[in-house]
Amino acid sequence: MLQRMKIVASIKKGNKKKNRSKFYGIYAIVVFRCLRKPIFLKFLNWVLKIEKIQKEKVKNVQIRMFPSIKNNGNPLIGKCNTQGEIFLYPKRLDISRKKIKKMKPEDFKRYVEGRARASLIHELLHLKYESDENKVKELTKKYFTIFHRNQYSKLSDLTKHKEMIFNY
């Protein structure tokens, strides 16, 4: 399914700031690597099987290197279209800088990875529950919790990590 995953960098003309490009490049690589880990891929296959979502519905997953904004001005985390293309976007650099100052580097990396996993799970669920946002959010939290329960031994770590992802 995720063999068709790629990092896409669409830079607008005149928008080539070196620091931004470096930050977003590293961010995209971290996301790409965490989503390609065999344990997570196995988990996603399990979710698809449980939810009866055909793997063939996913045409490709694009990790966009730069953020995008919705029409209402809010940042876009991910989206999928009817052709089965999934797009994942990073947080804006100014928001990420605030988080970096508050967190240890390893916590920020874990936050980025968790955000990417939750976003991909969320968008995969949209393939089945197209416009039922409440159902998709509920199932995203459920599956995110299941995956992370197996990753973190302490319940306090799990709770802290869930709060970081779903409350920011």
C-alpha atoms as a PDB file:
ATOM      1  CA  MET A   1       0.000   0.000   0.000  1.00  0.00           C
ATOM      2  CA  LEU A   2       2.609   2.577   1.021  1.00  0.00           C
ATOM      3  CA  GLN A   3       5.071   1.554  -1.678  1.00  0.00           C
ATOM      4  CA  ARG A   4       3.657   4.554  -3.503  1.00  0.00           C
ATOM      5  CA  MET A   5       4.667   6.999  -0.782  1.00  0.00           C
ATOM      6  CA  LYS A   6       6.748   9.997  -1.751  1.00  0.00           C
ATOM      7  CA  ILE A   7       7.882  13.374  -0.493  1.00  0.00           C
ATOM      8  CA  VAL A   8       6.635  16.233  -2.654  1.00  0.00           C
ATOM      9  CA  ALA A   9       8.200  19.678  -2.489  1.00  0.00           C
ATOM     10  CA  SER A  10       6.286  22.307  -4.389  1.00  0.00           C
ATOM     11  CA  ILE A  11       8.086  25.600  -3.838  1.00  0.00           C
ATOM     12  CA  LYS A  12       6.321  28.743  -4.963  1.00  0.00           C
ATOM     13  CA  LYS A  13       8.376  31.153  -7.026  1.00  0.00           C
ATOM     14  CA  GLY A  14      10.369  33.534  -4.852  1.00  0.00           C
ATOM     15  CA  ASN A  15       9.711  31.449  -1.725  1.00  0.00           C
ATOM     16  CA  LYS A  16      13.082  29.747  -1.333  1.00  0.00           C
ATOM     17  CA  LYS A  17      14.150  30.596   2.202  1.00  0.00           C
ATOM     18  CA  LYS A  18      17.018  28.323   3.139  1.00  0.00           C
ATOM     19  CA  ASN A  19      16.139  27.825   6.832  1.00  0.00           C
ATOM     20  CA  ARG A  20      12.532  26.949   6.025  1.00  0.00           C
ATOM     21  CA  SER A  21      13.522  24.498   3.323  1.00  0.00           C
ATOM     22  CA  LYS A  22      16.018  22.776   5.615  1.00  0.00           C
ATOM     23  CA  PHE A  23      13.514  22.518   8.495  1.00  0.00           C
ATOM     24  CA  TYR A  24      10.695  21.212   6.285  1.00  0.00           C
ATOM     25  CA  GLY A  25      13.047  18.825   4.492  1.00  0.00           C
ATOM     26  CA  ILE A  26      14.089  17.246   7.786  1.00  0.00           C
ATOM     27  CA  TYR A  27      10.452  17.228   8.941  1.00  0.00           C
ATOM     28  CA  ALA A  28       9.364  15.397   5.761  1.00  0.00           C
ATOM     29  CA  ILE A  29      12.138  12.817   6.096  1.00  0.00           C
ATOM     30  CA  VAL A  30      11.194  12.113   9.732  1.00  0.00           C
ATOM     31  CA  VAL A  31       7.554  11.642   8.661  1.00  0.00           C
ATOM     32  CA  PHE A  32       8.506   9.451   5.697  1.00  0.00           C
ATOM     33  CA  ARG A  33      10.712   7.177   7.813  1.00  0.00           C
ATOM     34  CA  CYS A  34       8.205   6.770  10.641  1.00  0.00           C
ATOM     35  CA  LEU A  35       5.371   5.900   8.246  1.00  0.00           C
ATOM     36  CA  ARG A  36       7.547   3.318   6.466  1.00  0.00           C
ATOM     37  CA  LYS A  37       8.489   1.415   9.635  1.00  0.00           C
ATOM     38  CA  PRO A  38       7.431  -2.229   9.266  1.00  0.00           C
ATOM     39  CA  ILE A  39       5.586  -2.301  12.603  1.00  0.00           C
ATOM     40  CA  PHE A  40       3.430   0.667  11.567  1.00  0.00           C
ATOM     41  CA  LEU A  41       2.805  -0.756   8.082  1.00  0.00           C
ATOM     42  CA  LYS A  42       1.689  -4.022   9.657  1.00  0.00           C
ATOM     43  CA  PHE A  43      -0.624  -2.061  11.938  1.00  0.00           C
ATOM     44  CA  LEU A  44      -2.103  -0.107   8.999  1.00  0.00           C
ATOM     45  CA  ASN A  45      -2.777  -3.342   7.142  1.00  0.00           C
ATOM     46  CA  TRP A  46      -4.608  -4.597  10.231  1.00  0.00           C
ATOM     47  CA  VAL A  47      -6.701  -1.373  10.370  1.00  0.00           C
ATOM     48  CA  LEU A  48      -7.581  -1.710   6.682  1.00  0.00           C
ATOM     49  CA  LYS A  49      -8.612  -5.317   7.239  1.00  0.00           C
ATOM     50  CA  ILE A  50     -10.724  -4.523  10.344  1.00  0.00           C
ATOM     51  CA  GLU A  51     -12.398  -1.583   8.584  1.00  0.00           C
ATOM     52  CA  LYS A  52     -12.801  -3.532   5.330  1.00  0.00           C
ATOM     53  CA  ILE A  53     -10.996  -0.874   3.293  1.00  0.00           C
ATOM     54  CA  GLN A  54      -9.405  -2.298   0.164  1.00  0.00           C
ATOM     55  CA  LYS A  55      -5.691  -1.578  -0.144  1.00  0.00           C
ATOM     56  CA  GLU A  56      -6.240  -0.792  -3.817  1.00  0.00           C
ATOM     57  CA  LYS A  57      -8.290   2.260  -2.807  1.00  0.00           C
ATOM     58  CA  VAL A  58      -5.038   3.959  -1.768  1.00  0.00           C
ATOM     59  CA  LYS A  59      -3.366   5.130  -4.973  1.00  0.00           C
ATOM     60  CA  ASN A  60      -0.538   7.059  -3.327  1.00  0.00           C
ATOM     61  CA  VAL A  61       0.490   8.916  -0.178  1.00  0.00           C
ATOM     62  CA  GLN A  62       2.242  12.239  -0.641  1.00  0.00           C
ATOM     63  CA  ILE A  63       4.158  13.831   2.197  1.00  0.00           C
ATOM     64  CA  ARG A  64       4.083  17.480   1.288  1.00  0.00           C
ATOM     65  CA  MET A  65       7.162  19.361   2.303  1.00  0.00           C
ATOM     66  CA  PHE A  66       5.447  22.682   2.944  1.00  0.00           C
ATOM     67  CA  PRO A  67       2.313  23.538   4.947  1.00  0.00           C
ATOM     68  CA  SER A  68      -1.035  24.356   3.420  1.00  0.00           C
ATOM     69  CA  ILE A  69      -3.908  26.483   4.686  1.00  0.00           C
ATOM     70  CA  LYS A  70      -7.631  25.693   4.451  1.00  0.00           C
ATOM     71  CA  ASN A  71     -10.059  28.270   3.084  1.00  0.00           C
ATOM     72  CA  ASN A  72     -11.016  29.185   6.677  1.00  0.00           C
ATOM     73  CA  GLY A  73      -7.395  30.086   7.468  1.00  0.00           C
ATOM     74  CA  ASN A  74      -6.652  27.030   9.624  1.00  0.00           C
ATOM     75  CA  PRO A  75      -3.675  24.819   8.816  1.00  0.00           C
ATOM     76  CA  LEU A  76      -4.334  21.682   6.792  1.00  0.00           C
ATOM     77  CA  ILE A  77      -2.947  18.491   8.348  1.00  0.00           C
ATOM     78  CA  GLY A  78      -4.023  16.024   5.708  1.00  0.00           C
ATOM     79  CA  LYS A  79      -6.567  15.371   3.011  1.00  0.00           C
ATOM     80  CA  CYS A  80      -7.610  12.631   0.664  1.00  0.00           C
ATOM     81  CA  ASN A  81      -9.504  12.774  -2.573  1.00  0.00           C
ATOM     82  CA  THR A  82     -11.892  10.420  -4.334  1.00  0.00           C
ATOM     83  CA  GLN A  83      -9.044   9.085  -6.500  1.00  0.00           C
ATOM     84  CA  GLY A  84      -7.399   7.593  -3.377  1.00  0.00           C
ATOM     85  CA  GLU A  85      -4.577  10.122  -3.123  1.00  0.00           C
ATOM     86  CA  ILE A  86      -3.616  11.071   0.432  1.00  0.00           C
ATOM     87  CA  PHE A  87      -1.697  14.257   1.207  1.00  0.00           C
ATOM     88  CA  LEU A  88      -0.015  14.932   4.563  1.00  0.00           C
ATOM     89  CA  TYR A  89       1.222  18.404   5.521  1.00  0.00           C
ATOM     90  CA  PRO A  90       3.633  19.666   8.207  1.00  0.00           C
ATOM     91  CA  LYS A  91       2.874  22.208  10.896  1.00  0.00           C
ATOM     92  CA  ARG A  92       3.875  25.770  10.072  1.00  0.00           C
ATOM     93  CA  LEU A  93       7.412  26.644  11.121  1.00  0.00           C
ATOM     94  CA  ASP A  94       6.306  29.400  13.528  1.00  0.00           C
ATOM     95  CA  ILE A  95       4.051  26.958  15.417  1.00  0.00           C
ATOM     96  CA  SER A  96       6.750  24.287  15.357  1.00  0.00           C
ATOM     97  CA  ARG A  97       9.307  26.726  16.811  1.00  0.00           C
ATOM     98  CA  LYS A  98       7.027  27.318  19.807  1.00  0.00           C
ATOM     99  CA  LYS A  99       6.731  23.565  20.362  1.00  0.00           C
ATOM    100  CA  ILE A 100      10.473  23.037  19.946  1.00  0.00           C
ATOM    101  CA  LYS A 101      11.144  25.605  22.686  1.00  0.00           C
ATOM    102  CA  LYS A 102       8.714  23.835  25.050  1.00  0.00           C
ATOM    103  CA  MET A 103       9.854  20.265  24.316  1.00  0.00           C
ATOM    104  CA  LYS A 104      13.025  18.238  24.362  1.00  0.00           C
ATOM    105  CA  PRO A 105      14.215  17.381  20.825  1.00  0.00           C
ATOM    106  CA  GLU A 106      13.266  13.701  21.198  1.00  0.00           C
ATOM    107  CA  ASP A 107       9.767  14.698  22.403  1.00  0.00           C
ATOM    108  CA  PHE A 108       9.325  16.992  19.398  1.00  0.00           C
ATOM    109  CA  LYS A 109      10.397  14.178  17.056  1.00  0.00           C
ATOM    110  CA  ARG A 110       7.931  11.827  18.758  1.00  0.00           C
ATOM    111  CA  TYR A 111       5.240  14.501  18.395  1.00  0.00           C
ATOM    112  CA  VAL A 112       5.939  14.843  14.637  1.00  0.00           C
ATOM    113  CA  GLU A 113       5.849  11.066  14.195  1.00  0.00           C
ATOM    114  CA  GLY A 114       2.632  10.707  16.200  1.00  0.00           C
ATOM    115  CA  ARG A 115       0.993  13.556  14.302  1.00  0.00           C
ATOM    116  CA  ALA A 116       1.942  11.912  10.989  1.00  0.00           C
ATOM    117  CA  ARG A 117       0.631   8.511  12.065  1.00  0.00           C
ATOM    118  CA  ALA A 118      -2.639   9.968  13.364  1.00  0.00           C
ATOM    119  CA  SER A 119      -3.049  11.992  10.147  1.00  0.00           C
ATOM    120  CA  LEU A 120      -2.492   8.973   7.919  1.00  0.00           C
ATOM    121  CA  ILE A 121      -4.897   6.819   9.954  1.00  0.00           C
ATOM    122  CA  HIS A 122      -7.438   9.654   9.779  1.00  0.00           C
ATOM    123  CA  GLU A 123      -7.179  10.022   6.006  1.00  0.00           C
ATOM    124  CA  LEU A 124      -7.342   6.258   5.427  1.00  0.00           C
ATOM    125  CA  LEU A 125     -10.577   6.152   7.425  1.00  0.00           C
ATOM    126  CA  HIS A 126     -11.984   8.903   5.193  1.00  0.00           C
ATOM    127  CA  LEU A 127     -11.777   6.444   2.301  1.00  0.00           C
ATOM    128  CA  LYS A 128     -14.591   4.509   3.978  1.00  0.00           C
ATOM    129  CA  TYR A 129     -16.409   7.117   6.067  1.00  0.00           C
ATOM    130  CA  GLU A 130     -16.036   9.904   3.492  1.00  0.00           C
ATOM    131  CA  SER A 131     -17.903  12.811   5.102  1.00  0.00           C
ATOM    132  CA  ASP A 132     -18.583  11.419   8.609  1.00  0.00           C
ATOM    133  CA  GLU A 133     -15.926  13.517  10.348  1.00  0.00           C
ATOM    134  CA  ASN A 134     -17.076  12.603  13.870  1.00  0.00           C
ATOM    135  CA  LYS A 135     -16.814   8.864  13.161  1.00  0.00           C
ATOM    136  CA  VAL A 136     -13.395   9.347  11.553  1.00  0.00           C
ATOM    137  CA  LYS A 137     -12.109  11.350  14.554  1.00  0.00           C
ATOM    138  CA  GLU A 138     -13.445   8.765  17.003  1.00  0.00           C
ATOM    139  CA  LEU A 139     -11.837   5.870  15.122  1.00  0.00           C
ATOM    140  CA  THR A 140      -8.577   7.785  14.635  1.00  0.00           C
ATOM    141  CA  LYS A 141      -8.236   8.199  18.412  1.00  0.00           C
ATOM    142  CA  LYS A 142      -9.147   4.549  18.947  1.00  0.00           C
ATOM    143  CA  TYR A 143      -6.587   3.189  16.477  1.00  0.00           C
ATOM    144  CA  PHE A 144      -3.914   5.703  17.467  1.00  0.00           C
ATOM    145  CA  THR A 145      -4.322   4.574  21.085  1.00  0.00           C
ATOM    146  CA  ILE A 146      -4.116   0.902  20.129  1.00  0.00           C
ATOM    147  CA  PHE A 147      -0.909   1.440  18.157  1.00  0.00           C
ATOM    148  CA  HIS A 148       0.741   3.580  20.806  1.00  0.00           C
ATOM    149  CA  ARG A 149      -0.314   1.327  23.680  1.00  0.00           C
ATOM    150  CA  ASN A 150       1.983  -1.262  22.113  1.00  0.00           C
ATOM    151  CA  GLN A 151       4.781   1.290  21.631  1.00  0.00           C
ATOM    152  CA  TYR A 152       4.947   2.862  25.075  1.00  0.00           C
ATOM    153  CA  SER A 153       5.165   0.802  28.200  1.00  0.00           C
ATOM    154  CA  LYS A 154       4.038   3.424  30.709  1.00  0.00           C
ATOM    155  CA  LEU A 155       0.420   4.525  30.679  1.00  0.00           C
ATOM    156  CA  SER A 156       1.539   8.048  31.601  1.00  0.00           C
ATOM    157  CA  ASP A 157       3.659   8.203  28.413  1.00  0.00           C
ATOM    158  CA  LEU A 158       0.678   7.101  26.336  1.00  0.00           C
ATOM    159  CA  THR A 159      -1.619   9.672  27.927  1.00  0.00           C
ATOM    160  CA  LYS A 160       0.960  12.437  27.537  1.00  0.00           C
ATOM    161  CA  HIS A 161       1.549  11.528  23.889  1.00  0.00           C
ATOM    162  CA  LYS A 162      -2.181  11.361  23.069  1.00  0.00           C
ATOM    163  CA  GLU A 163      -2.683  14.783  24.666  1.00  0.00           C
ATOM    164  CA  MET A 164       0.178  16.229  22.596  1.00  0.00           C
ATOM    165  CA  ILE A 165      -1.361  14.983  19.345  1.00  0.00           C
ATOM    166  CA  PHE A 166      -5.071  15.548  19.874  1.00  0.00           C
ATOM    167  CA  ASN A 167      -5.070  18.684  22.035  1.00  0.00           C
ATOM    168  CA  TYR A 168      -2.710  20.915  19.997  1.00  0.00           C
END
